[in-house]
Every structure is written in C-alpha cells, then in structure tokens.
Protein backbone atom coordinates (compact mmCIF):
# COMPACT_ATOMS: atom_id res chain seq x y z
CA MET A 1 21.20 -9.30 -12.69
CA HIS A 2 23.30 -12.37 -12.00
CA THR A 3 21.54 -15.24 -10.31
CA ARG A 4 23.19 -17.68 -7.98
CA PRO A 5 22.11 -20.92 -6.28
CA ARG A 6 20.53 -20.25 -2.92
CA ALA A 7 21.18 -22.24 0.22
CA PRO A 8 18.40 -24.53 1.54
CA GLY A 9 17.68 -22.12 4.40
CA SER A 10 17.18 -19.08 2.20
CA VAL A 11 14.29 -16.80 3.11
CA LEU A 12 12.40 -16.52 -0.18
CA VAL A 13 9.34 -15.03 1.46
CA VAL A 14 8.04 -12.34 -0.85
CA VAL A 15 7.99 -14.21 -4.15
CA GLY A 16 6.10 -17.17 -2.76
CA VAL A 17 3.43 -14.96 -1.24
CA LEU A 18 2.97 -12.88 -4.37
CA SER A 19 2.72 -15.99 -6.54
CA ALA A 20 0.29 -17.76 -4.23
CA SER A 21 -1.96 -14.73 -3.82
CA GLY A 22 -1.98 -13.75 -7.46
CA VAL A 23 -0.85 -10.22 -6.61
CA SER A 24 0.68 -8.35 -9.51
CA ALA A 25 4.12 -7.44 -8.25
CA THR A 26 4.68 -4.91 -10.98
CA LEU A 27 1.35 -3.36 -11.86
CA GLY A 28 2.77 -3.63 -15.34
CA GLY A 29 1.56 -6.88 -16.86
CA CYS A 30 -0.40 -6.57 -20.07
CA SER A 31 -2.92 -9.37 -20.12
CA ARG A 32 -4.40 -8.43 -23.49
CA ALA A 33 -2.80 -10.29 -26.37
CA PRO A 34 -1.16 -7.76 -28.70
CA SER A 35 -2.70 -7.06 -32.07
CA GLN A 36 -0.78 -8.24 -35.10
CA SER A 37 -1.14 -4.85 -36.79
CA GLN A 38 2.27 -3.16 -36.60
CA GLY A 39 2.30 0.62 -36.19
CA GLY A 40 4.64 1.92 -38.85
CA ALA A 41 5.56 5.45 -37.81
CA GLY A 42 5.35 5.67 -34.06
CA LEU A 43 6.22 9.35 -33.79
CA THR A 44 3.31 11.42 -32.57
CA GLY A 45 4.12 15.07 -32.12
CA SER A 46 6.56 15.73 -29.27
CA GLY A 47 5.67 12.46 -27.58
CA GLY A 48 8.09 10.26 -29.53
CA THR A 49 7.40 6.55 -29.89
CA PRO A 50 6.04 4.22 -27.21
CA SER A 51 9.48 2.59 -27.02
CA GLU A 52 11.12 5.96 -26.48
CA THR A 53 8.74 6.68 -23.62
CA LEU A 54 9.57 3.32 -22.09
CA ASN A 55 13.31 4.02 -22.46
CA ARG A 56 12.86 7.30 -20.61
CA LEU A 57 10.92 5.45 -17.93
CA LEU A 58 13.74 2.91 -17.57
CA ALA A 59 16.35 5.67 -17.27
CA ALA A 60 14.30 7.48 -14.63
CA ARG A 61 13.80 4.24 -12.73
CA GLU A 62 17.54 3.52 -12.71
CA GLN A 63 18.14 6.92 -11.13
CA ARG A 64 15.21 6.61 -8.71
CA ALA A 65 13.94 9.87 -10.24
CA TYR A 66 10.38 9.51 -8.98
CA ARG A 67 9.19 12.86 -10.32
CA ASP A 68 10.31 11.91 -13.83
CA ILE A 69 8.78 8.45 -13.48
CA LYS A 70 5.48 10.02 -12.46
CA SER A 71 5.44 12.27 -15.54
CA LEU A 72 5.67 9.20 -17.80
CA ILE A 73 2.67 7.37 -16.32
CA VAL A 74 -1.00 8.03 -17.09
CA PRO A 75 -2.16 10.57 -14.47
CA GLU A 76 -4.87 8.40 -12.92
CA HIS A 77 -2.32 5.77 -11.87
CA ALA A 78 0.86 7.80 -11.37
CA GLU A 79 0.60 8.33 -7.62
CA GLU A 80 -0.12 4.70 -6.82
CA VAL A 81 2.81 3.44 -8.89
CA ILE A 82 5.18 5.92 -7.23
CA SER A 83 3.93 4.89 -3.77
CA TYR A 84 4.55 1.27 -4.65
CA LEU A 85 8.02 1.86 -6.10
CA MET A 86 9.14 3.98 -3.15
CA ALA A 87 8.01 1.28 -0.71
CA VAL A 88 9.76 -1.46 -2.71
CA ASP A 89 12.93 0.63 -2.86
CA ASP A 90 12.81 1.15 0.90
CA PHE A 91 12.49 -2.60 1.35
CA LEU A 92 15.42 -3.28 -0.99
CA PHE A 93 17.56 -0.62 0.72
CA ALA A 94 16.84 -2.11 4.14
CA ASN A 95 17.74 -5.53 2.73
CA ARG A 96 21.04 -4.20 1.41
CA GLU A 97 21.90 -2.60 4.76
CA LEU A 98 21.22 -5.84 6.62
CA CYS A 99 23.04 -8.08 4.13
CA ASP A 100 26.08 -5.80 4.00
CA TYR A 101 26.37 -5.81 7.78
CA VAL A 102 25.89 -9.57 8.06
CA ARG A 103 28.39 -10.17 5.26
CA ASN A 104 31.04 -8.04 6.96
CA GLU A 105 30.42 -8.96 10.60
CA VAL A 106 29.02 -12.51 10.51
CA GLY A 107 29.67 -14.30 7.24
CA LEU A 108 29.02 -14.33 3.51
CA GLY A 109 26.93 -17.49 3.54
CA LEU A 110 24.47 -16.16 6.11
CA ALA A 111 24.08 -12.94 4.14
CA GLN A 112 23.20 -14.93 1.02
CA ASN A 113 20.64 -16.94 2.98
CA ILE A 114 18.59 -13.87 3.91
CA ASP A 115 19.14 -11.76 0.81
CA GLN A 116 15.86 -10.48 -0.65
CA SER A 117 17.46 -8.60 -3.55
CA TYR A 118 16.15 -11.19 -6.03
CA PHE A 119 12.86 -9.32 -5.85
CA ALA A 120 14.38 -6.33 -7.70
CA GLY A 121 14.48 -8.48 -10.83
CA MET A 122 10.82 -9.46 -10.56
CA ILE A 123 9.06 -6.15 -11.03
CA ASP A 124 8.82 -6.35 -14.81
CA VAL A 125 9.38 -3.01 -16.52
CA PHE A 126 10.78 -1.54 -13.30
CA SER A 127 13.40 -4.28 -12.97
CA PRO A 128 17.09 -3.77 -13.77
CA TYR A 129 18.41 -4.94 -17.12
CA VAL A 130 15.29 -4.45 -19.22
CA LYS A 131 15.80 -4.79 -22.99
CA ILE A 132 13.10 -3.40 -25.27
CA LEU A 133 12.33 -5.64 -28.24
CA ASP A 134 9.54 -4.15 -30.36
CA GLU A 135 6.32 -2.20 -30.27
CA ILE A 136 2.83 -2.58 -31.69
CA ILE A 137 0.62 0.47 -32.10
CA GLU A 138 -3.14 0.27 -32.44
CA GLY A 139 -4.81 3.67 -32.43
CA ASP A 140 -4.11 5.40 -29.13
CA MET A 141 -2.89 2.20 -27.46
CA ALA A 142 0.50 0.54 -27.82
CA THR A 143 2.19 -2.60 -26.55
CA VAL A 144 5.96 -2.69 -26.07
CA SER A 145 7.61 -6.09 -25.71
CA PHE A 146 10.66 -6.44 -23.48
CA GLN A 147 12.84 -8.94 -21.65
CA VAL A 148 14.26 -8.77 -18.14
CA ASN A 149 17.87 -9.90 -17.91
CA ASP A 150 17.55 -11.58 -21.34
CA LYS A 151 15.20 -14.18 -19.88
CA LEU A 152 12.00 -15.67 -21.22
CA PRO A 153 9.10 -15.26 -21.29
CA VAL A 154 8.94 -11.98 -23.14
CA LYS A 155 6.90 -9.43 -21.19
CA ARG A 156 4.70 -6.62 -22.42
CA ALA A 157 4.04 -3.09 -21.25
CA ARG A 158 0.99 -1.14 -22.30
CA LEU A 159 1.08 2.55 -23.17
CA ARG A 160 -1.66 5.02 -23.99
CA ARG A 161 -1.43 8.20 -26.03
CA VAL A 162 -2.59 11.17 -23.97
CA GLY A 163 -2.48 14.62 -25.55
CA GLY A 164 -0.13 13.38 -28.25
CA VAL A 165 2.28 11.84 -25.74
CA TRP A 166 2.73 8.14 -25.03
CA LEU A 167 2.41 7.33 -21.34
CA TYR A 168 2.84 4.07 -19.49
CA GLU A 169 -0.43 2.49 -18.34
CA PRO A 170 0.03 -0.04 -15.53
CA GLY A 171 -2.07 -3.13 -15.36
CA PRO A 172 -4.34 -4.20 -12.50
CA GLY A 173 -3.08 -5.29 -9.14
CA TYR A 174 -2.60 -2.15 -7.09
CA THR A 175 -4.14 -1.74 -3.65
CA PRO A 176 -2.99 0.58 -0.84
CA GLN A 177 -1.88 -2.44 1.17
CA LEU A 178 0.90 -3.20 -1.33
CA PRO A 179 3.18 -0.29 -0.34
CA GLN A 180 2.16 -0.74 3.29
CA ALA A 181 3.29 -4.36 3.16
CA PHE A 182 6.72 -3.51 1.77
CA LEU A 183 7.19 -0.71 4.29
CA ARG A 184 6.40 -3.15 7.08
CA MET A 185 8.88 -5.65 5.71
CA ALA A 186 11.54 -2.94 5.44
CA HIS A 187 10.90 -2.12 9.09
CA GLY A 188 11.27 -5.80 9.97
CA LEU A 189 14.64 -6.04 8.26
CA ARG A 190 15.85 -2.93 10.08
CA GLN A 191 14.70 -4.44 13.37
CA THR A 192 16.80 -7.52 12.62
CA LEU A 193 19.81 -5.34 11.89
CA GLN A 194 19.41 -3.52 15.21
CA GLU A 195 19.11 -6.83 17.06
CA ILE A 196 22.47 -7.88 15.64
CA LYS A 197 24.13 -4.53 16.30
CA CYS A 198 22.96 -4.41 19.91
CA GLY A 199 24.16 -7.96 20.53
CA ARG A 200 20.88 -9.77 21.15
CA LEU A 201 21.66 -11.75 18.02
CA SER A 202 25.40 -12.18 18.41
CA PRO A 203 27.61 -13.10 15.44
CA ARG A 204 28.78 -16.17 17.34
CA ALA A 205 25.23 -17.41 17.95
CA LEU A 206 24.36 -16.84 14.30
CA ARG A 207 27.41 -18.79 13.15
CA ASP A 208 26.70 -21.63 15.58
CA ASP A 209 23.13 -21.94 14.33
CA PRO A 210 23.07 -21.03 10.61
CA GLU A 211 19.26 -21.25 10.52
CA LEU A 212 18.77 -18.79 13.38
CA LEU A 213 19.13 -15.66 11.29
CA ALA A 214 16.80 -16.98 8.58
CA ARG A 215 14.16 -17.70 11.23
CA GLU A 216 14.56 -14.25 12.76
CA VAL A 217 14.22 -12.54 9.39
CA GLN A 218 11.16 -14.58 8.50
CA VAL A 219 9.46 -13.67 11.76
CA ARG A 220 10.11 -9.97 11.20
CA LEU A 221 8.87 -10.09 7.62
CA GLN A 222 5.67 -11.83 8.66
CA SER A 223 3.66 -8.68 9.38
CA GLY A 224 4.15 -7.44 5.83
CA VAL A 225 3.68 -10.90 4.38
CA ASP A 226 0.35 -11.25 6.19
CA LEU A 227 -0.75 -7.95 4.67
CA LEU A 228 0.08 -9.24 1.19
CA LYS A 229 -1.99 -12.34 1.87
CA ARG A 230 -5.14 -10.40 2.74
CA PRO A 231 -7.86 -10.10 0.12
CA ALA A 232 -7.25 -6.99 -1.93
CA GLN A 233 -9.07 -3.95 -0.59
CA ARG A 234 -9.06 -0.37 -1.76
CA ASP A 235 -9.52 2.80 0.23
CA GLY A 236 -13.07 3.22 1.44
CA GLU A 237 -13.93 -0.49 1.31
C-alpha cells in the first residue's frame, strides 16, 4: 500500500482511538516472544507448514473468501474473527464509496482529507501486502514472522496444530463491540454520502469551507468511535 502525506484537516479517527484504548485492531498480535528453537521439517500430514497455512489465509483474505478464512482459524475463535473482518470490510467499502463520490463530484483534495483506507494496512496479518519471512515451530505451536508493506517492525502470527493441521490462532482483543463499532462507522459514512447526494451538503459549500466535510465525517463516525472507547465487555457481562 502506498502512503501519502495527509492534509492537516484529515480525519484520522480510528487509528487514534485504537491506539489510545489499547484495542487490538487485528486480533493477531503474538505477545509471546518466539522460541529460538527452529522447527526443521514443518510438514505435518496434510496440514502443510505453518507458513503455508498463513499463505492460504492471505489468499483467502485477498478474495474476501470468508468461508475459507474461517476454515483456517482455530474453531473457538473463527466466528469472532469473521464477524470482525466483515464489519471492517463494510467500513472500508463505505469509505471507498464516499471518497469516490467526493473525488468525482467535489474534489480530489477533500476526498483525501476524509479517506479512512489507511486502516486497511493496519490489521496485521489481514492487511494487504503481507510478506512472510520465517517460521518457528515448538511442539504444536508455531510463530510465523511477517512484514506489512515491507515496513518495520516485523510482526508475528501464532498458529496451533489441530488434528495435524496448522490453524491461525488470533491473539486477545476481541469483544462483540468491535464489529458493532465498525458497522456504526460504516453507517455514518453512508449517511454523509447521502447528505451530499441529496444536496444538504452541496459541493459548492464543501469547496468553500474545506474543513466542513471533515467535521461532518467526524461527527458521523463518533457513534462507532465512542463504542471503541468503552471498556471491553463480552456477551453476558
């Protein structure tokens, strides 16, 4: 993913909230330092190596093949990861719809100011442009090192061998409010798009006041942002 300088009025809402709240955006961080014992032959029956599993996961993610993604995650966490990814994808799709319309009907600079697509490159193993580096196997657990967009620091994904097959094991950080927050933010972006299309936010007014659109987007993202800021709670709590 190519990065570009952002204008002073850019709405970088999601990253700041996730960083401040300590929420794991990816559910994929491996906090345990990897062992120095290198697994020589990673092949285990029909399961292939941990790196091969991760490569299949990356291919499925690129195609938004949620069923295939689910089959490559440990069963106890598969549903929650899919719920999260689907909500994030809905948010990114709504962002693309809004930015495309603003770019074509209002102006390129304003579209860049509100673009939230940077978040796609911040979800670790589910980001675009992931390059697998190496793997360390220790019994039925493995750690695969990778980079996102050739950037440091190197990140790590944890996998567990289940029935002879290596499956991705997400780290901590999931709560039901995570997908709910991204769905709310997607709704907010679509509301902004409708406000422009119906004329309440006219292209002329947006050009005359370059900060107006950024303020409108921030207001409509706030409901989801507030949900991300709440203390983590799970169902039944």
